[in-house]
Amino acid sequence: MDSIIGLGKILWTLFQVIVLFNILIVVHELGHYWAAKWRGLKVEKFQIWFGKPIWKKKIKDVQWGLGWIPMGGFVALPQMAPMEMLEGKNEEKESLPPITPKDKIIVAFAGPLFSFGLAFAFALLVWGFGKPVREQLQSTMVGSVVPGMPAELAGVRPGDQILEIDGVKVKSFAGMVDSVLERIIYSEGEEIVLLIKRQGINEPVEIRCGFNKEERPAHQRQDFRRIGVTPISEAIVDMTISNSPADRAGLKSGDKILQANGQELFGRETLSFMIQKMGDDIKSIELLVLRGE
């Protein structure tokens, strides 16, 4: 099942790349087309994708088409680049007046200009609406604490909300600016000072935490500082294996696990850590589950 899901994600990502790539191609070629029309050049063809057209239609002396090789595209401008080298010389073609260097520069530059304009438009959309980010990553609450890591040793708990790191306010768990991970990675000194808000305590709590960082040779990619905290996440059952302990206990796909042995789950990893901590001494775990939402 995991391999099928992984393959599906790869295919979906590939589909998105192809769609965005072709949007860029269309906009780029439209730049050449409209510039050529503006400067009075003759346009013979406008085709998206290469190869023999699987669809074509002539509209106002321009042949619009779609090729069968799903990449690239072109605008046939005989005054810019004669097609005799590819198609052979055709004596019946009309003689066209030469164009000025200025017209050639404008038409050639229009394609990249339109591509840049598309990128700028996407940038405005991201700036206006924000890039897609998982809701959990927009919180600074700790979902799970990795056993044995500096955060656990310093006393950080699941459910703690990190307010500041080394005196700098954090706004999200992940991201390039003022996030929990960013401030940890670029922290300095032997300790990382966390200011947290803990449930049941009115005043913020200051915790001084160490960090782990593997020393590597200069020619290798350098490691970054880690303290062993993860963002909040929901523990939702995807599927149960037939005759497994979860199956025999009655867990069903879609169940949301709220507590384990009376401990509220702020991150799905916490349940895994509890099971790993048992080692060979496996014991039953009492779960509080929300079903049917």
Protein backbone atom coordinates (compact mmCIF):
# COMPACT_ATOMS: atom_id res chain seq x y z
CA MET A 1 0.00 0.00 0.00
CA ASP A 2 2.81 2.43 0.91
CA SER A 3 4.51 1.79 -2.44
CA ILE A 4 1.25 2.51 -4.29
CA ILE A 5 0.74 5.74 -2.34
CA GLY A 6 4.36 6.72 -3.00
CA LEU A 7 3.98 6.03 -6.71
CA GLY A 8 0.76 8.04 -6.76
CA LYS A 9 2.52 11.02 -5.16
CA ILE A 10 5.34 10.83 -7.72
CA LEU A 11 2.88 10.69 -10.63
CA TRP A 12 0.86 13.59 -9.19
CA THR A 13 4.02 15.69 -8.79
CA LEU A 14 5.07 14.82 -12.34
CA PHE A 15 1.64 15.81 -13.63
CA GLN A 16 1.87 19.18 -11.86
CA VAL A 17 5.34 19.81 -13.31
CA ILE A 18 4.11 19.02 -16.84
CA VAL A 19 1.07 21.30 -16.45
CA LEU A 20 3.13 24.22 -15.13
CA PHE A 21 5.81 23.67 -17.78
CA ASN A 22 3.21 23.79 -20.55
CA ILE A 23 1.58 26.92 -19.10
CA LEU A 24 5.02 28.54 -19.27
CA ILE A 25 5.44 27.38 -22.89
CA VAL A 26 2.07 28.80 -23.95
CA VAL A 27 2.74 32.16 -22.29
CA HIS A 28 6.28 32.31 -23.72
CA GLU A 29 5.12 31.60 -27.29
CA LEU A 30 2.20 34.03 -26.95
CA GLY A 31 4.81 36.69 -26.19
CA HIS A 32 6.51 36.03 -29.53
CA TYR A 33 3.14 35.83 -31.32
CA TRP A 34 1.68 39.08 -30.02
CA ALA A 35 4.95 40.95 -30.52
CA ALA A 36 5.12 39.69 -34.12
CA LYS A 37 1.56 40.81 -34.75
CA TRP A 38 2.27 44.20 -33.20
CA ARG A 39 5.33 44.71 -35.42
CA GLY A 40 3.49 43.61 -38.55
CA LEU A 41 5.33 40.31 -39.13
CA LYS A 42 3.72 37.38 -40.88
CA VAL A 43 2.84 34.48 -38.56
CA GLU A 44 2.45 31.12 -40.29
CA LYS A 45 2.02 28.71 -37.38
CA PHE A 46 1.47 28.67 -33.64
CA GLN A 47 1.99 25.17 -32.22
CA ILE A 48 2.24 23.80 -28.72
CA TRP A 49 4.29 20.61 -28.43
CA PHE A 50 6.54 19.28 -31.15
CA GLY A 51 5.99 16.68 -33.81
CA LYS A 52 3.27 16.13 -36.39
CA PRO A 53 0.09 17.95 -35.32
CA ILE A 54 -2.62 15.76 -33.81
CA TRP A 55 -4.93 18.78 -34.07
CA LYS A 56 -4.70 21.88 -36.23
CA LYS A 57 -6.97 24.65 -37.40
CA LYS A 58 -6.35 27.69 -39.58
CA ILE A 59 -7.68 30.97 -38.23
CA LYS A 60 -7.02 34.23 -40.11
CA ASP A 61 -4.01 32.86 -42.06
CA VAL A 62 -2.43 31.35 -38.93
CA GLN A 63 -2.33 27.57 -38.43
CA TRP A 64 -2.93 26.74 -34.78
CA GLY A 65 -1.89 23.24 -33.75
CA LEU A 66 -1.07 20.73 -31.04
CA GLY A 67 1.82 18.31 -31.60
CA TRP A 68 2.10 14.76 -30.28
CA ILE A 69 5.41 15.13 -28.38
CA PRO A 70 4.45 16.78 -25.05
CA MET A 71 7.25 19.31 -24.73
CA GLY A 72 8.13 22.66 -26.22
CA GLY A 73 6.34 24.74 -28.80
CA PHE A 74 7.06 27.28 -31.53
CA VAL A 75 5.74 30.20 -33.53
CA ALA A 76 6.69 30.01 -37.21
CA LEU A 77 7.88 33.48 -38.27
CA PRO A 78 9.39 33.24 -41.78
CA GLN A 79 10.82 36.75 -41.58
CA MET A 80 12.66 35.87 -38.36
CA ALA A 81 13.84 32.33 -39.19
CA PRO A 82 13.11 30.93 -42.67
CA MET A 83 11.96 27.29 -42.52
CA GLU A 84 13.73 26.13 -45.70
CA MET A 85 16.40 24.32 -43.70
CA LEU A 86 13.75 22.15 -42.04
CA GLU A 87 11.01 21.97 -44.67
CA GLY A 88 12.95 22.47 -47.92
CA LYS A 89 12.66 25.41 -50.28
CA ASN A 90 9.15 26.12 -51.55
CA GLU A 91 9.03 28.23 -54.72
CA GLU A 92 5.30 28.93 -54.27
CA LYS A 93 5.71 30.79 -51.01
CA GLU A 94 5.07 34.50 -51.15
CA SER A 95 8.01 36.85 -51.02
CA LEU A 96 8.05 38.77 -47.74
CA PRO A 97 9.72 42.11 -47.06
CA PRO A 98 12.72 42.07 -44.75
CA ILE A 99 12.31 43.34 -41.19
CA THR A 100 14.47 45.71 -39.22
CA PRO A 101 16.89 44.62 -36.50
CA LYS A 102 14.69 46.52 -34.04
CA ASP A 103 11.68 44.33 -34.93
CA LYS A 104 13.78 41.17 -34.55
CA ILE A 105 14.97 42.26 -31.11
CA ILE A 106 11.44 43.11 -29.94
CA VAL A 107 9.95 39.81 -31.11
CA ALA A 108 12.83 37.73 -29.74
CA PHE A 109 12.76 39.52 -26.38
CA ALA A 110 8.96 39.30 -25.99
CA GLY A 111 9.00 35.55 -25.18
CA PRO A 112 11.36 35.78 -22.18
CA LEU A 113 9.58 38.97 -21.09
CA PHE A 114 6.23 37.17 -20.96
CA SER A 115 7.84 34.26 -19.08
CA PHE A 116 9.20 36.70 -16.52
CA GLY A 117 5.76 38.32 -16.31
CA LEU A 118 4.19 34.93 -15.55
CA ALA A 119 6.73 34.30 -12.80
CA PHE A 120 6.02 37.77 -11.38
CA ALA A 121 2.27 37.05 -11.44
CA PHE A 122 2.81 33.79 -9.52
CA ALA A 123 5.02 35.66 -7.05
CA LEU A 124 2.21 38.18 -6.45
CA LEU A 125 -0.22 35.31 -5.83
CA VAL A 126 2.12 33.73 -3.29
CA TRP A 127 2.72 37.11 -1.66
CA GLY A 128 -1.01 37.88 -1.54
CA PHE A 129 -2.41 34.51 -0.49
CA GLY A 130 0.66 32.83 0.97
CA LYS A 131 2.32 29.63 -0.16
CA PRO A 132 0.60 26.32 0.67
CA VAL A 133 1.77 25.27 4.12
CA ARG A 134 0.39 22.57 6.37
CA GLU A 135 -1.69 24.16 9.12
CA GLN A 136 0.37 22.32 11.74
CA LEU A 137 3.57 24.04 10.57
CA GLN A 138 2.02 27.46 11.18
CA SER A 139 1.89 26.72 14.90
CA THR A 140 4.88 26.92 17.24
CA MET A 141 3.49 24.21 19.53
CA VAL A 142 5.64 21.14 20.15
CA GLY A 143 3.93 17.98 18.93
CA SER A 144 6.43 15.37 20.09
CA VAL A 145 9.78 15.30 21.87
CA VAL A 146 12.32 12.72 20.67
CA PRO A 147 13.51 10.53 23.57
CA GLY A 148 17.12 11.10 24.57
CA MET A 149 17.48 14.31 22.55
CA PRO A 150 18.50 17.63 24.17
CA ALA A 151 14.94 18.97 24.27
CA GLU A 152 13.73 16.06 26.41
CA LEU A 153 16.78 16.27 28.67
CA ALA A 154 16.15 20.00 29.15
CA GLY A 155 12.51 19.45 30.11
CA VAL A 156 10.59 20.40 26.96
CA ARG A 157 7.21 18.63 26.81
CA PRO A 158 4.67 17.89 24.08
CA GLY A 159 2.09 20.69 24.07
CA ASP A 160 4.61 23.40 25.00
CA GLN A 161 4.22 26.46 22.80
CA ILE A 162 7.56 28.03 21.88
CA LEU A 163 7.30 31.83 22.08
CA GLU A 164 10.93 32.88 21.61
CA ILE A 165 14.29 31.34 20.80
CA ASP A 166 17.37 33.25 21.96
CA GLY A 167 15.21 36.34 22.47
CA VAL A 168 13.70 36.28 18.96
CA LYS A 169 9.94 35.74 18.63
CA VAL A 170 9.01 32.77 16.43
CA LYS A 171 5.92 32.77 14.23
CA SER A 172 5.79 29.23 12.81
CA PHE A 173 7.41 25.84 13.25
CA ALA A 174 9.01 25.65 9.81
CA GLY A 175 9.97 28.31 7.30
CA MET A 176 12.77 30.60 6.21
CA VAL A 177 12.13 33.53 8.58
CA ASP A 178 11.58 33.50 12.36
CA SER A 179 10.51 29.87 12.56
CA VAL A 180 11.36 27.35 15.27
CA LEU A 181 13.58 25.26 13.01
CA GLU A 182 15.28 28.30 11.44
CA ARG A 183 16.15 29.85 14.80
CA ILE A 184 17.51 26.53 16.10
CA ILE A 185 19.66 25.93 13.02
CA TYR A 186 21.18 29.43 13.07
CA SER A 187 21.50 29.74 16.83
CA GLU A 188 24.89 30.52 18.38
CA GLY A 189 26.55 29.66 21.64
CA GLU A 190 26.63 26.46 23.67
CA GLU A 191 22.98 26.69 24.73
CA ILE A 192 19.70 27.55 23.00
CA VAL A 193 17.35 29.56 25.20
CA LEU A 194 13.69 28.69 24.71
CA LEU A 195 10.85 30.78 26.13
CA ILE A 196 7.76 28.60 26.24
CA LYS A 197 4.14 28.79 27.31
CA ARG A 198 3.08 25.67 29.19
CA GLN A 199 -0.46 24.53 29.86
CA GLY A 200 -1.49 25.19 33.46
CA ILE A 201 1.24 27.78 34.06
CA ASN A 202 0.45 31.48 33.68
CA GLU A 203 3.97 32.85 33.29
CA PRO A 204 6.27 31.87 30.39
CA VAL A 205 8.97 29.33 31.25
CA GLU A 206 12.60 29.73 30.18
CA ILE A 207 14.43 26.54 29.26
CA ARG A 208 18.11 26.32 28.39
CA CYS A 209 18.66 23.54 25.94
CA GLY A 210 21.68 21.92 24.35
CA PHE A 211 21.77 20.66 20.79
CA ASN A 212 23.06 17.83 18.64
CA LYS A 213 25.23 18.49 15.61
CA GLU A 214 27.34 15.90 13.87
CA GLU A 215 30.85 17.01 13.02
CA ARG A 216 31.65 16.18 9.41
CA PRO A 217 34.71 16.66 7.15
CA ALA A 218 34.86 19.94 5.27
CA HIS A 219 34.20 18.27 1.90
CA GLN A 220 30.87 16.84 3.11
CA ARG A 221 27.59 18.67 3.58
CA GLN A 222 27.63 20.10 7.09
CA ASP A 223 25.05 19.01 9.65
CA PHE A 224 22.75 21.49 11.36
CA ARG A 225 21.70 21.94 14.98
CA ARG A 226 18.85 19.75 16.23
CA ILE A 227 17.17 19.57 19.63
CA GLY A 228 14.58 16.83 18.95
CA VAL A 229 11.17 18.48 18.65
CA THR A 230 8.50 17.93 16.00
CA PRO A 231 5.44 20.00 15.01
CA ILE A 232 1.93 19.12 16.11
CA SER A 233 0.16 16.46 14.06
CA GLU A 234 -3.00 14.41 14.29
CA ALA A 235 -2.75 10.67 15.01
CA ILE A 236 -5.30 9.34 12.52
CA VAL A 237 -5.48 5.65 11.66
CA ASP A 238 -4.93 5.09 7.94
CA MET A 239 -5.45 1.32 7.94
CA THR A 240 -5.10 -1.68 10.24
CA ILE A 241 -3.37 -4.96 9.42
CA SER A 242 -5.64 -7.98 9.66
CA ASN A 243 -5.36 -9.81 13.03
CA SER A 244 -2.89 -7.23 14.36
CA PRO A 245 -3.26 -5.88 17.94
CA ALA A 246 -4.85 -2.72 16.53
CA ASP A 247 -7.29 -4.75 14.46
CA ARG A 248 -8.22 -7.00 17.40
CA ALA A 249 -8.70 -3.95 19.62
CA GLY A 250 -11.26 -2.60 17.17
CA LEU A 251 -9.38 0.35 15.68
CA LYS A 252 -10.77 1.42 12.31
CA SER A 253 -9.54 3.52 9.41
CA GLY A 254 -10.22 7.18 10.12
CA ASP A 255 -10.11 6.87 13.90
CA LYS A 256 -8.44 9.87 15.54
CA ILE A 257 -6.37 8.91 18.58
CA LEU A 258 -6.69 11.63 21.22
CA GLN A 259 -4.93 10.06 24.21
CA ALA A 260 -2.62 7.15 24.98
CA ASN A 261 -2.55 5.89 28.60
CA GLY A 262 -4.17 9.14 29.68
CA GLN A 263 -1.56 11.31 27.91
CA GLU A 264 -2.89 13.77 25.35
CA LEU A 265 -1.31 13.30 21.93
CA PHE A 266 -0.08 16.52 20.34
CA GLY A 267 1.93 14.61 17.73
CA ARG A 268 1.54 11.18 16.15
CA GLU A 269 5.20 10.39 16.83
CA THR A 270 4.56 10.33 20.60
CA LEU A 271 2.62 7.07 20.28
CA SER A 272 5.52 5.50 18.37
CA PHE A 273 7.97 6.67 21.04
CA MET A 274 5.81 5.08 23.76
CA ILE A 275 5.83 1.73 21.94
CA GLN A 276 9.59 1.89 21.26
CA LYS A 277 10.27 2.65 24.93
CA MET A 278 8.66 -0.67 25.93
CA GLY A 279 11.33 -2.66 24.09
CA ASP A 280 10.65 -6.37 24.51
CA ASP A 281 8.34 -5.77 27.49
CA ILE A 282 5.23 -5.12 25.40
CA LYS A 283 2.19 -3.93 27.34
CA SER A 284 -1.28 -2.90 26.27
CA ILE A 285 -1.95 0.79 25.70
CA GLU A 286 -5.27 2.37 26.56
CA LEU A 287 -6.38 4.68 23.75
CA LEU A 288 -9.04 7.36 23.69
CA VAL A 289 -10.38 7.52 20.14
CA LEU A 290 -12.67 9.92 18.29
CA ARG A 291 -14.69 8.11 15.63
CA GLY A 292 -17.07 9.21 12.93
CA GLU A 293 -15.92 12.83 12.49
